[in-house]
All heavy atoms as atom14 arrays in JSON, in Angstrom:
{
  "sequence": "APERGPEPPGGAAIARCLRLGPEDVLTGDRGPAG",
  "atom14_mask": [
    [1, 1, 1, 1, 1, 0, 0, 0, 0, 0, 0, 0, 0, 0],
    [1, 1, 1, 1, 1, 1, 1, 0, 0, 0, 0, 0, 0, 0],
    [1, 1, 1, 1, 1, 1, 1, 1, 1, 0, 0, 0, 0, 0],
    [1, 1, 1, 1, 1, 1, 1, 1, 1, 1, 1, 0, 0, 0],
    [1, 1, 1, 1, 0, 0, 0, 0, 0, 0, 0, 0, 0, 0],
    [1, 1, 1, 1, 1, 1, 1, 0, 0, 0, 0, 0, 0, 0],
    [1, 1, 1, 1, 1, 1, 1, 1, 1, 0, 0, 0, 0, 0],
    [1, 1, 1, 1, 1, 1, 1, 0, 0, 0, 0, 0, 0, 0],
    [1, 1, 1, 1, 1, 1, 1, 0, 0, 0, 0, 0, 0, 0],
    [1, 1, 1, 1, 0, 0, 0, 0, 0, 0, 0, 0, 0, 0],
    [1, 1, 1, 1, 0, 0, 0, 0, 0, 0, 0, 0, 0, 0],
    [1, 1, 1, 1, 1, 0, 0, 0, 0, 0, 0, 0, 0, 0],
    [1, 1, 1, 1, 1, 0, 0, 0, 0, 0, 0, 0, 0, 0],
    [1, 1, 1, 1, 1, 1, 1, 1, 0, 0, 0, 0, 0, 0],
    [1, 1, 1, 1, 1, 0, 0, 0, 0, 0, 0, 0, 0, 0],
    [1, 1, 1, 1, 1, 1, 1, 1, 1, 1, 1, 0, 0, 0],
    [1, 1, 1, 1, 1, 1, 0, 0, 0, 0, 0, 0, 0, 0],
    [1, 1, 1, 1, 1, 1, 1, 1, 0, 0, 0, 0, 0, 0],
    [1, 1, 1, 1, 1, 1, 1, 1, 1, 1, 1, 0, 0, 0],
    [1, 1, 1, 1, 1, 1, 1, 1, 0, 0, 0, 0, 0, 0],
    [1, 1, 1, 1, 0, 0, 0, 0, 0, 0, 0, 0, 0, 0],
    [1, 1, 1, 1, 1, 1, 1, 0, 0, 0, 0, 0, 0, 0],
    [1, 1, 1, 1, 1, 1, 1, 1, 1, 0, 0, 0, 0, 0],
    [1, 1, 1, 1, 1, 1, 1, 1, 0, 0, 0, 0, 0, 0],
    [1, 1, 1, 1, 1, 1, 1, 0, 0, 0, 0, 0, 0, 0],
    [1, 1, 1, 1, 1, 1, 1, 1, 0, 0, 0, 0, 0, 0],
    [1, 1, 1, 1, 1, 1, 1, 0, 0, 0, 0, 0, 0, 0],
    [1, 1, 1, 1, 0, 0, 0, 0, 0, 0, 0, 0, 0, 0],
    [1, 1, 1, 1, 1, 1, 1, 1, 0, 0, 0, 0, 0, 0],
    [1, 1, 1, 1, 1, 1, 1, 1, 1, 1, 1, 0, 0, 0],
    [1, 1, 1, 1, 0, 0, 0, 0, 0, 0, 0, 0, 0, 0],
    [1, 1, 1, 1, 1, 1, 1, 0, 0, 0, 0, 0, 0, 0],
    [1, 1, 1, 1, 1, 0, 0, 0, 0, 0, 0, 0, 0, 0],
    [1, 1, 1, 1, 0, 0, 0, 0, 0, 0, 0, 0, 0, 0]
  ],
  "atom14_positions": [
    [[21.84, 0.67, -4.91], [20.73, 1.05, -5.78], [19.43, 0.54, -5.17], [19.43, -0.42, -4.4], [20.93, 0.46, -7.18], [0.0, 0.0, 0.0], [0.0, 0.0, 0.0], [0.0, 0.0, 0.0], [0.0, 0.0, 0.0], [0.0, 0.0, 0.0], [0.0, 0.0, 0.0], [0.0, 0.0, 0.0], [0.0, 0.0, 0.0], [0.0, 0.0, 0.0]],
    [[18.31, 1.16, -5.5], [17.04, 0.72, -4.92], [16.69, -0.71, -5.31], [16.92, -1.13, -6.44], [16.02, 1.71, -5.5], [16.82, 2.87, -5.98], [18.15, 2.33, -6.37], [0.0, 0.0, 0.0], [0.0, 0.0, 0.0], [0.0, 0.0, 0.0], [0.0, 0.0, 0.0], [0.0, 0.0, 0.0], [0.0, 0.0, 0.0], [0.0, 0.0, 0.0]],
    [[16.13, -1.43, -4.35], [15.65, -2.79, -4.59], [14.21, -2.89, -4.09], [13.88, -2.4, -3.0], [16.52, -3.81, -3.85], [17.97, -3.83, -4.3], [18.8, -4.79, -3.47], [18.19, -5.55, -2.67], [20.03, -4.77, -3.61], [0.0, 0.0, 0.0], [0.0, 0.0, 0.0], [0.0, 0.0, 0.0], [0.0, 0.0, 0.0], [0.0, 0.0, 0.0]],
    [[13.37, -3.53, -4.91], [11.98, -3.72, -4.52], [11.85, -4.94, -3.62], [12.51, -5.96, -3.84], [11.09, -3.87, -5.75], [9.61, -3.96, -5.4], [8.73, -3.79, -6.61], [7.33, -3.82, -6.22], [6.35, -3.22, -6.86], [6.62, -2.52, -7.96], [5.11, -3.3, -6.45], [0.0, 0.0, 0.0], [0.0, 0.0, 0.0], [0.0, 0.0, 0.0]],
    [[11.01, -4.84, -2.6], [10.82, -5.93, -1.66], [9.62, -6.78, -2.0], [8.97, -6.6, -3.04], [0.0, 0.0, 0.0], [0.0, 0.0, 0.0], [0.0, 0.0, 0.0], [0.0, 0.0, 0.0], [0.0, 0.0, 0.0], [0.0, 0.0, 0.0], [0.0, 0.0, 0.0], [0.0, 0.0, 0.0], [0.0, 0.0, 0.0], [0.0, 0.0, 0.0]],
    [[9.28, -7.71, -1.12], [8.11, -8.57, -1.33], [6.82, -7.76, -1.26], [6.79, -6.63, -0.78], [8.21, -9.57, -0.18], [9.06, -8.9, 0.85], [10.01, -8.03, 0.12], [0.0, 0.0, 0.0], [0.0, 0.0, 0.0], [0.0, 0.0, 0.0], [0.0, 0.0, 0.0], [0.0, 0.0, 0.0], [0.0, 0.0, 0.0], [0.0, 0.0, 0.0]],
    [[5.76, -8.38, -1.74], [4.46, -7.71, -1.75], [4.02, -7.39, -0.31], [4.12, -8.24, 0.58], [3.41, -8.58, -2.43], [3.51, -8.6, -3.94], [3.37, -7.21, -4.55], [2.38, -6.52, -4.24], [4.27, -6.8, -5.3], [0.0, 0.0, 0.0], [0.0, 0.0, 0.0], [0.0, 0.0, 0.0], [0.0, 0.0, 0.0], [0.0, 0.0, 0.0]],
    [[3.54, -6.17, -0.08], [3.09, -5.79, 1.26], [1.69, -6.31, 1.53], [1.06, -6.9, 0.63], [3.11, -4.27, 1.2], [2.79, -3.97, -0.23], [3.45, -5.06, -1.05], [0.0, 0.0, 0.0], [0.0, 0.0, 0.0], [0.0, 0.0, 0.0], [0.0, 0.0, 0.0], [0.0, 0.0, 0.0], [0.0, 0.0, 0.0], [0.0, 0.0, 0.0]],
    [[1.16, -6.1, 2.73], [-0.24, -6.43, 2.98], [-1.17, -5.68, 2.03], [-0.77, -4.73, 1.36], [-0.44, -5.99, 4.44], [0.93, -5.99, 5.04], [1.86, -5.6, 3.92], [0.0, 0.0, 0.0], [0.0, 0.0, 0.0], [0.0, 0.0, 0.0], [0.0, 0.0, 0.0], [0.0, 0.0, 0.0], [0.0, 0.0, 0.0], [0.0, 0.0, 0.0]],
    [[-2.41, -6.07, 2.01], [-3.38, -5.44, 1.13], [-3.66, -4.0, 1.48], [-3.41, -3.54, 2.6], [0.0, 0.0, 0.0], [0.0, 0.0, 0.0], [0.0, 0.0, 0.0], [0.0, 0.0, 0.0], [0.0, 0.0, 0.0], [0.0, 0.0, 0.0], [0.0, 0.0, 0.0], [0.0, 0.0, 0.0], [0.0, 0.0, 0.0], [0.0, 0.0, 0.0]],
    [[-4.2, -3.27, 0.49], [-4.45, -1.84, 0.68], [-5.4, -1.53, 1.81], [-5.25, -0.52, 2.52], [0.0, 0.0, 0.0], [0.0, 0.0, 0.0], [0.0, 0.0, 0.0], [0.0, 0.0, 0.0], [0.0, 0.0, 0.0], [0.0, 0.0, 0.0], [0.0, 0.0, 0.0], [0.0, 0.0, 0.0], [0.0, 0.0, 0.0], [0.0, 0.0, 0.0]],
    [[-6.4, -2.39, 2.03], [-7.35, -2.13, 3.11], [-6.67, -2.21, 4.47], [-6.92, -1.38, 5.36], [-8.51, -3.13, 3.03], [0.0, 0.0, 0.0], [0.0, 0.0, 0.0], [0.0, 0.0, 0.0], [0.0, 0.0, 0.0], [0.0, 0.0, 0.0], [0.0, 0.0, 0.0], [0.0, 0.0, 0.0], [0.0, 0.0, 0.0], [0.0, 0.0, 0.0]],
    [[-5.78, -3.2, 4.64], [-5.06, -3.33, 5.91], [-4.13, -2.14, 6.13], [-4.03, -1.6, 7.23], [-4.27, -4.63, 5.93], [0.0, 0.0, 0.0], [0.0, 0.0, 0.0], [0.0, 0.0, 0.0], [0.0, 0.0, 0.0], [0.0, 0.0, 0.0], [0.0, 0.0, 0.0], [0.0, 0.0, 0.0], [0.0, 0.0, 0.0], [0.0, 0.0, 0.0]],
    [[-3.43, -1.73, 5.06], [-2.53, -0.57, 5.17], [-3.32, 0.68, 5.51], [-2.91, 1.49, 6.36], [-1.74, -0.4, 3.87], [-0.75, -1.56, 3.7], [-1.0, 0.94, 3.86], [-0.08, -1.61, 2.34], [0.0, 0.0, 0.0], [0.0, 0.0, 0.0], [0.0, 0.0, 0.0], [0.0, 0.0, 0.0], [0.0, 0.0, 0.0], [0.0, 0.0, 0.0]],
    [[-4.48, 0.85, 4.87], [-5.32, 2.02, 5.16], [-5.72, 2.04, 6.63], [-5.68, 3.1, 7.29], [-6.56, 2.02, 4.27], [0.0, 0.0, 0.0], [0.0, 0.0, 0.0], [0.0, 0.0, 0.0], [0.0, 0.0, 0.0], [0.0, 0.0, 0.0], [0.0, 0.0, 0.0], [0.0, 0.0, 0.0], [0.0, 0.0, 0.0], [0.0, 0.0, 0.0]],
    [[-6.1, 0.89, 7.18], [-6.47, 0.84, 8.6], [-5.3, 1.25, 9.48], [-5.48, 1.97, 10.47], [-6.93, -0.57, 8.98], [-8.31, -0.94, 8.51], [-8.81, -2.2, 9.19], [-7.97, -3.37, 8.89], [-8.18, -4.16, 7.85], [-9.17, -3.93, 7.01], [-7.38, -5.21, 7.65], [0.0, 0.0, 0.0], [0.0, 0.0, 0.0], [0.0, 0.0, 0.0]],
    [[-4.09, 0.8, 9.14], [-2.91, 1.17, 9.93], [-2.69, 2.67, 9.93], [-2.12, 3.22, 10.88], [-1.67, 0.47, 9.37], [-1.66, -1.32, 9.59], [0.0, 0.0, 0.0], [0.0, 0.0, 0.0], [0.0, 0.0, 0.0], [0.0, 0.0, 0.0], [0.0, 0.0, 0.0], [0.0, 0.0, 0.0], [0.0, 0.0, 0.0], [0.0, 0.0, 0.0]],
    [[-3.13, 3.34, 8.86], [-2.92, 4.78, 8.72], [-4.15, 5.6, 9.09], [-4.22, 6.8, 8.83], [-2.51, 5.1, 7.28], [-1.16, 4.53, 6.84], [-0.95, 4.73, 5.35], [-0.02, 5.17, 7.63], [0.0, 0.0, 0.0], [0.0, 0.0, 0.0], [0.0, 0.0, 0.0], [0.0, 0.0, 0.0], [0.0, 0.0, 0.0], [0.0, 0.0, 0.0]],
    [[-5.16, 4.94, 9.68], [-6.41, 5.6, 10.07], [-7.13, 6.21, 8.86], [-7.73, 7.28, 8.96], [-6.15, 6.67, 11.13], [-5.55, 6.14, 12.42], [-5.29, 7.28, 13.4], [-4.63, 6.79, 14.59], [-4.0, 7.57, 15.48], [-3.97, 8.89, 15.28], [-3.44, 7.06, 16.54], [0.0, 0.0, 0.0], [0.0, 0.0, 0.0], [0.0, 0.0, 0.0]],
    [[-7.02, 5.54, 7.74], [-7.66, 6.0, 6.52], [-8.61, 4.93, 6.01], [-8.62, 3.79, 6.51], [-6.6, 6.3, 5.45], [-5.57, 7.38, 5.77], [-4.51, 7.45, 4.67], [-6.24, 8.75, 5.95], [0.0, 0.0, 0.0], [0.0, 0.0, 0.0], [0.0, 0.0, 0.0], [0.0, 0.0, 0.0], [0.0, 0.0, 0.0], [0.0, 0.0, 0.0]],
    [[-9.41, 5.28, 5.01], [-10.28, 4.32, 4.36], [-9.61, 3.73, 3.14], [-8.68, 4.33, 2.57], [0.0, 0.0, 0.0], [0.0, 0.0, 0.0], [0.0, 0.0, 0.0], [0.0, 0.0, 0.0], [0.0, 0.0, 0.0], [0.0, 0.0, 0.0], [0.0, 0.0, 0.0], [0.0, 0.0, 0.0], [0.0, 0.0, 0.0], [0.0, 0.0, 0.0]],
    [[-10.07, 2.56, 2.68], [-9.48, 1.94, 1.49], [-9.52, 2.84, 0.28], [-8.62, 2.79, -0.58], [-10.33, 0.68, 1.29], [-10.94, 0.4, 2.62], [-11.14, 1.74, 3.28], [0.0, 0.0, 0.0], [0.0, 0.0, 0.0], [0.0, 0.0, 0.0], [0.0, 0.0, 0.0], [0.0, 0.0, 0.0], [0.0, 0.0, 0.0], [0.0, 0.0, 0.0]],
    [[-10.55, 3.69, 0.17], [-10.67, 4.58, -0.98], [-9.62, 5.69, -0.97], [-9.4, 6.36, -2.0], [-12.06, 5.2, -1.0], [-12.36, 6.22, 0.1], [-12.68, 5.62, 1.47], [-12.72, 4.37, 1.59], [-12.91, 6.4, 2.42], [0.0, 0.0, 0.0], [0.0, 0.0, 0.0], [0.0, 0.0, 0.0], [0.0, 0.0, 0.0], [0.0, 0.0, 0.0]],
    [[-8.95, 5.89, 0.16], [-7.94, 6.95, 0.26], [-6.59, 6.53, -0.32], [-5.74, 7.38, -0.61], [-7.73, 7.36, 1.72], [-8.94, 8.03, 2.33], [-9.58, 8.83, 1.61], [-9.24, 7.77, 3.51], [0.0, 0.0, 0.0], [0.0, 0.0, 0.0], [0.0, 0.0, 0.0], [0.0, 0.0, 0.0], [0.0, 0.0, 0.0], [0.0, 0.0, 0.0]],
    [[-6.35, 5.23, -0.45], [-5.05, 4.7, -0.87], [-5.11, 4.33, -2.35], [-5.98, 3.58, -2.78], [-4.67, 3.47, -0.02], [-3.38, 2.84, -0.52], [-4.53, 3.88, 1.45], [0.0, 0.0, 0.0], [0.0, 0.0, 0.0], [0.0, 0.0, 0.0], [0.0, 0.0, 0.0], [0.0, 0.0, 0.0], [0.0, 0.0, 0.0], [0.0, 0.0, 0.0]],
    [[-4.15, 4.84, -3.12], [-4.12, 4.54, -4.55], [-3.73, 3.08, -4.79], [-3.03, 2.47, -3.97], [-3.15, 5.47, -5.28], [-3.73, 6.8, -5.81], [-4.34, 7.64, -4.7], [-2.67, 7.6, -6.55], [0.0, 0.0, 0.0], [0.0, 0.0, 0.0], [0.0, 0.0, 0.0], [0.0, 0.0, 0.0], [0.0, 0.0, 0.0], [0.0, 0.0, 0.0]],
    [[-4.16, 2.58, -5.94], [-3.84, 1.21, -6.34], [-3.18, 1.25, -7.71], [-2.85, 2.31, -8.23], [-5.11, 0.35, -6.37], [-6.06, 0.94, -7.29], [-5.76, 0.27, -4.99], [0.0, 0.0, 0.0], [0.0, 0.0, 0.0], [0.0, 0.0, 0.0], [0.0, 0.0, 0.0], [0.0, 0.0, 0.0], [0.0, 0.0, 0.0], [0.0, 0.0, 0.0]],
    [[-3.0, 0.09, -8.33], [-2.4, 0.02, -9.67], [-0.94, 0.41, -9.64], [-0.18, 0.0, -8.75], [0.0, 0.0, 0.0], [0.0, 0.0, 0.0], [0.0, 0.0, 0.0], [0.0, 0.0, 0.0], [0.0, 0.0, 0.0], [0.0, 0.0, 0.0], [0.0, 0.0, 0.0], [0.0, 0.0, 0.0], [0.0, 0.0, 0.0], [0.0, 0.0, 0.0]],
    [[-0.52, 1.21, -10.63], [0.89, 1.61, -10.74], [1.39, 2.38, -9.53], [2.59, 2.42, -9.27], [1.11, 2.47, -12.0], [1.03, 1.65, -13.27], [1.04, 0.41, -13.18], [0.94, 2.25, -14.36], [0.0, 0.0, 0.0], [0.0, 0.0, 0.0], [0.0, 0.0, 0.0], [0.0, 0.0, 0.0], [0.0, 0.0, 0.0], [0.0, 0.0, 0.0]],
    [[0.49, 3.01, -8.8], [0.88, 3.77, -7.61], [0.39, 3.1, -6.34], [0.19, 3.74, -5.31], [0.35, 5.21, -7.71], [1.16, 6.07, -8.68], [2.51, 6.41, -8.07], [3.4, 7.08, -9.02], [4.46, 6.52, -9.57], [4.76, 5.27, -9.3], [5.22, 7.2, -10.4], [0.0, 0.0, 0.0], [0.0, 0.0, 0.0], [0.0, 0.0, 0.0]],
    [[0.17, 1.8, -6.41], [-0.22, 1.06, -5.22], [0.92, 0.91, -4.23], [2.09, 1.16, -4.55], [0.0, 0.0, 0.0], [0.0, 0.0, 0.0], [0.0, 0.0, 0.0], [0.0, 0.0, 0.0], [0.0, 0.0, 0.0], [0.0, 0.0, 0.0], [0.0, 0.0, 0.0], [0.0, 0.0, 0.0], [0.0, 0.0, 0.0], [0.0, 0.0, 0.0]],
    [[0.63, 0.48, -3.0], [1.66, 0.31, -1.98], [2.75, -0.66, -2.43], [2.48, -1.69, -3.05], [0.89, -0.24, -0.78], [-0.51, 0.23, -0.98], [-0.73, 0.22, -2.46], [0.0, 0.0, 0.0], [0.0, 0.0, 0.0], [0.0, 0.0, 0.0], [0.0, 0.0, 0.0], [0.0, 0.0, 0.0], [0.0, 0.0, 0.0], [0.0, 0.0, 0.0]],
    [[4.01, -0.32, -2.1], [5.14, -1.17, -2.47], [6.29, -0.9, -1.51], [6.48, 0.24, -1.06], [5.58, -0.93, -3.91], [0.0, 0.0, 0.0], [0.0, 0.0, 0.0], [0.0, 0.0, 0.0], [0.0, 0.0, 0.0], [0.0, 0.0, 0.0], [0.0, 0.0, 0.0], [0.0, 0.0, 0.0], [0.0, 0.0, 0.0], [0.0, 0.0, 0.0]],
    [[7.06, -1.94, -1.22], [8.24, -1.8, -0.39], [9.5, -1.66, -1.22], [9.69, -2.39, -2.21], [0.0, 0.0, 0.0], [0.0, 0.0, 0.0], [0.0, 0.0, 0.0], [0.0, 0.0, 0.0], [0.0, 0.0, 0.0], [0.0, 0.0, 0.0], [0.0, 0.0, 0.0], [0.0, 0.0, 0.0], [0.0, 0.0, 0.0], [0.0, 0.0, 0.0]]
  ]
}
């Protein structure tokens, strides 16, 4: 069954990894999660 992992890096860092801006990545209930 699915298991949630530890908190990932912040949204700004993830956006940089994806060549996107922080405003492109959703937060809150739909924020990044492992």
